[in-house]
Amino acid sequence: MACGVSIMFIIGPVLYWRLLALIGMAPCLLQLLGLFFVPESPRWLANMGRRKEAEGALQRLWGRNADISKEAAEIEVRHNRSCNVVDTWFLVFVCQIFRPRFQCDMQDLHRWSNAIPTLAFLGETAYGGSYSLGLGGIPWVMMSEIFPVNLMGSASSIVNLVSWGGSWVVAYTFNGFFLWSSAGH
């Protein structure tokens, strides 16, 4: 996800927005086509008591010659996913160091003036990747773990609606806050 966002930031200013939207749809269409080739979730099959089918799905995912016994045993034990909050916090801190006010201070002192945009880009990209690998996936992992199978479709839709609704509120109110205080004071 972080790579895709970075690519769109790079090519976005030079392309018409409709072409940019079409380019953004390409990975979605590839994923949609790929759904026809993905086996059932081994975890879901194991939770349904279909252990042989779960092992078959694991074998299909990893290949015929792969040893799946360890992963099959781990699925039976059911462990939680952890995230590295410290990494994400540190990268947010790095991104904030290179915000515009700091840039002005550093440029006045003639230190790092050429490196600041690169450092800001690298910090933002690293943060996006860290967030995607850690904290970003928590709602989706929790959703698959806490909702019963018979409510999964409806509950997932509600969680998705709330998540994207919150994102919309943040994006919609950003311009108002920016007009209110463009310097961020």
Protein backbone atom coordinates (compact mmCIF):
# COMPACT_ATOMS: atom_id res chain seq x y z
CA MET A 1 0.00 0.00 0.00
CA ALA A 2 2.76 2.46 0.89
CA CYS A 3 4.44 1.94 -2.49
CA GLY A 4 1.18 2.55 -4.34
CA VAL A 5 0.48 5.74 -2.41
CA SER A 6 4.03 6.94 -3.07
CA ILE A 7 3.71 6.23 -6.80
CA MET A 8 0.43 8.14 -6.96
CA PHE A 9 2.02 11.12 -5.20
CA ILE A 10 4.82 11.09 -7.77
CA ILE A 11 2.72 10.70 -10.94
CA GLY A 12 -0.39 12.50 -9.66
CA PRO A 13 0.71 16.07 -10.38
CA VAL A 14 1.43 15.30 -14.05
CA LEU A 15 -1.68 13.26 -14.91
CA TYR A 16 -5.32 14.16 -15.35
CA TRP A 17 -7.36 12.96 -12.36
CA ARG A 18 -9.55 10.57 -14.40
CA LEU A 19 -6.50 8.81 -15.81
CA LEU A 20 -5.06 8.63 -12.29
CA ALA A 21 -8.29 6.99 -11.07
CA LEU A 22 -8.13 4.42 -13.87
CA ILE A 23 -4.52 3.62 -13.02
CA GLY A 24 -5.55 3.20 -9.38
CA MET A 25 -8.26 0.72 -10.40
CA ALA A 26 -5.79 -1.62 -12.12
CA PRO A 27 -4.52 -3.31 -8.92
CA CYS A 28 -8.12 -3.70 -7.72
CA LEU A 29 -9.11 -5.48 -10.92
CA LEU A 30 -6.09 -7.77 -10.66
CA GLN A 31 -7.07 -8.65 -7.11
CA LEU A 32 -10.65 -9.29 -8.17
CA LEU A 33 -9.49 -11.71 -10.87
CA GLY A 34 -7.10 -13.33 -8.40
CA LEU A 35 -9.99 -14.17 -6.05
CA PHE A 36 -10.99 -17.01 -8.36
CA PHE A 37 -7.64 -18.72 -7.74
CA VAL A 38 -7.35 -18.27 -3.96
CA PRO A 39 -8.34 -21.23 -1.77
CA GLU A 40 -10.55 -20.94 1.30
CA SER A 41 -8.89 -19.55 4.42
CA PRO A 42 -7.10 -22.36 6.29
CA ARG A 43 -7.92 -20.67 9.61
CA TRP A 44 -11.62 -20.50 8.77
CA LEU A 45 -11.67 -24.12 7.62
CA ALA A 46 -9.92 -25.22 10.84
CA ASN A 47 -12.40 -23.23 12.96
CA MET A 48 -15.24 -24.98 11.14
CA GLY A 49 -13.75 -28.37 12.06
CA ARG A 50 -12.64 -29.10 8.50
CA ARG A 51 -9.02 -29.88 9.34
CA LYS A 52 -8.23 -31.96 6.23
CA GLU A 53 -9.54 -29.19 3.96
CA ALA A 54 -7.51 -26.63 5.96
CA GLU A 55 -4.36 -28.67 5.41
CA GLY A 56 -5.23 -28.97 1.71
CA ALA A 57 -5.64 -25.19 1.46
CA LEU A 58 -2.27 -24.68 3.20
CA GLN A 59 -0.65 -27.15 0.82
CA ARG A 60 -2.14 -25.29 -2.13
CA LEU A 61 -0.87 -21.96 -0.79
CA TRP A 62 2.69 -23.13 -0.10
CA GLY A 63 3.17 -25.75 -2.82
CA ARG A 64 3.09 -29.55 -3.03
CA ASN A 65 6.53 -30.13 -1.54
CA ALA A 66 6.24 -27.66 1.36
CA ASP A 67 6.11 -28.83 4.97
CA ILE A 68 2.90 -27.36 6.38
CA SER A 69 2.78 -29.28 9.66
CA LYS A 70 4.17 -26.40 11.75
CA GLU A 71 1.75 -23.84 10.33
CA ALA A 72 -1.19 -26.23 10.66
CA ALA A 73 -0.31 -26.71 14.34
CA GLU A 74 -0.05 -22.93 14.84
CA ILE A 75 -3.50 -22.45 13.34
CA GLU A 76 -4.85 -24.97 15.82
CA VAL A 77 -3.28 -23.07 18.73
CA ARG A 78 -4.71 -19.72 17.54
CA HIS A 79 -2.37 -16.96 18.47
CA ASN A 80 -2.80 -13.19 18.22
CA ARG A 81 -0.98 -10.88 15.86
CA SER A 82 1.20 -8.22 17.45
CA CYS A 83 2.17 -4.85 16.05
CA ASN A 84 5.13 -2.63 16.64
CA VAL A 85 3.66 0.60 17.98
CA VAL A 86 7.10 2.01 18.81
CA ASP A 87 8.22 1.86 15.15
CA THR A 88 5.13 3.68 13.98
CA TRP A 89 5.45 6.32 16.70
CA PHE A 90 9.11 6.91 15.86
CA LEU A 91 8.35 7.34 12.16
CA VAL A 92 5.55 9.84 12.91
CA PHE A 93 8.11 11.74 14.99
CA VAL A 94 10.59 11.71 12.07
CA CYS A 95 7.90 12.99 9.69
CA GLN A 96 7.04 15.83 12.06
CA ILE A 97 10.68 16.87 12.36
CA PHE A 98 10.75 17.68 8.66
CA ARG A 99 7.49 19.59 8.57
CA PRO A 100 7.49 23.06 6.95
CA ARG A 101 8.36 25.09 10.05
CA PHE A 102 11.44 22.97 10.66
CA GLN A 103 12.31 23.26 6.97
CA CYS A 104 12.28 27.07 7.22
CA ASP A 105 14.48 27.00 10.33
CA MET A 106 16.99 24.66 8.70
CA GLN A 107 17.04 26.61 5.45
CA ASP A 108 17.70 29.82 7.38
CA LEU A 109 20.70 28.10 8.96
CA HIS A 110 21.70 26.63 5.55
CA ARG A 111 21.83 23.12 6.99
CA TRP A 112 20.43 20.13 5.16
CA SER A 113 18.40 22.40 2.85
CA ASN A 114 18.90 20.06 -0.13
CA ALA A 115 18.26 16.88 1.84
CA ILE A 116 15.06 17.94 3.64
CA PRO A 117 12.58 16.96 0.87
CA THR A 118 14.27 13.57 0.46
CA LEU A 119 14.30 12.95 4.22
CA ALA A 120 10.64 13.95 4.49
CA PHE A 121 9.71 11.61 1.62
CA LEU A 122 11.68 8.70 3.09
CA GLY A 123 10.17 9.29 6.55
CA GLU A 124 6.63 9.42 5.15
CA THR A 125 7.16 6.29 3.04
CA ALA A 126 8.67 4.39 5.98
CA TYR A 127 5.79 5.52 8.21
CA GLY A 128 3.21 4.38 5.64
CA GLY A 129 4.87 0.98 5.36
CA SER A 130 5.19 0.58 9.12
CA TYR A 131 1.57 1.59 9.64
CA SER A 132 0.38 -0.81 6.94
CA LEU A 133 2.34 -3.72 8.41
CA GLY A 134 1.47 -2.97 12.05
CA LEU A 135 -1.35 -0.76 13.27
CA GLY A 136 -3.18 -0.40 9.94
CA GLY A 137 -4.26 -4.01 9.76
CA ILE A 138 -5.50 -4.37 13.33
CA PRO A 139 -9.18 -3.55 12.66
CA TRP A 140 -9.32 -6.05 9.80
CA VAL A 141 -7.55 -8.79 11.78
CA MET A 142 -9.74 -8.16 14.83
CA MET A 143 -12.84 -8.21 12.66
CA SER A 144 -12.01 -11.67 11.34
CA GLU A 145 -11.35 -12.93 14.86
CA ILE A 146 -14.25 -11.51 16.90
CA PHE A 147 -17.28 -11.83 14.63
CA PRO A 148 -19.00 -15.19 14.22
CA VAL A 149 -19.01 -16.62 10.71
CA ASN A 150 -22.77 -16.19 10.24
CA LEU A 151 -22.49 -12.41 10.94
CA MET A 152 -19.16 -11.83 9.20
CA GLY A 153 -20.59 -10.27 6.02
CA SER A 154 -22.90 -7.78 7.73
CA ALA A 155 -20.46 -6.95 10.53
CA SER A 156 -17.59 -6.47 8.06
CA SER A 157 -19.71 -4.08 6.03
CA ILE A 158 -20.50 -1.99 9.11
CA VAL A 159 -16.84 -1.92 10.22
CA ASN A 160 -15.79 -0.89 6.71
CA LEU A 161 -18.46 1.83 6.59
CA VAL A 162 -17.35 3.26 9.95
CA SER A 163 -13.66 3.13 8.96
CA TRP A 164 -14.11 4.87 5.62
CA GLY A 165 -16.67 7.24 7.11
CA GLY A 166 -14.11 8.35 9.67
CA SER A 167 -11.54 8.80 6.91
CA TRP A 168 -14.02 10.91 4.97
CA VAL A 169 -14.69 13.15 8.01
CA VAL A 170 -10.95 13.70 8.50
CA ALA A 171 -10.40 14.48 4.80
CA TYR A 172 -13.47 16.72 4.58
CA THR A 173 -12.60 18.81 7.64
CA PHE A 174 -8.91 19.16 6.70
CA ASN A 175 -9.46 22.09 4.34
CA GLY A 176 -11.44 23.94 6.99
CA PHE A 177 -8.65 23.52 9.52
CA PHE A 178 -6.05 24.48 6.94
CA LEU A 179 -7.91 27.69 6.11
CA TRP A 180 -8.34 28.41 9.81
CA SER A 181 -4.61 28.05 10.53
CA SER A 182 -2.38 27.32 7.56
CA ALA A 183 0.77 27.33 9.68
CA GLY A 184 -0.64 24.70 12.03
CA HIS A 185 -0.45 26.88 15.16
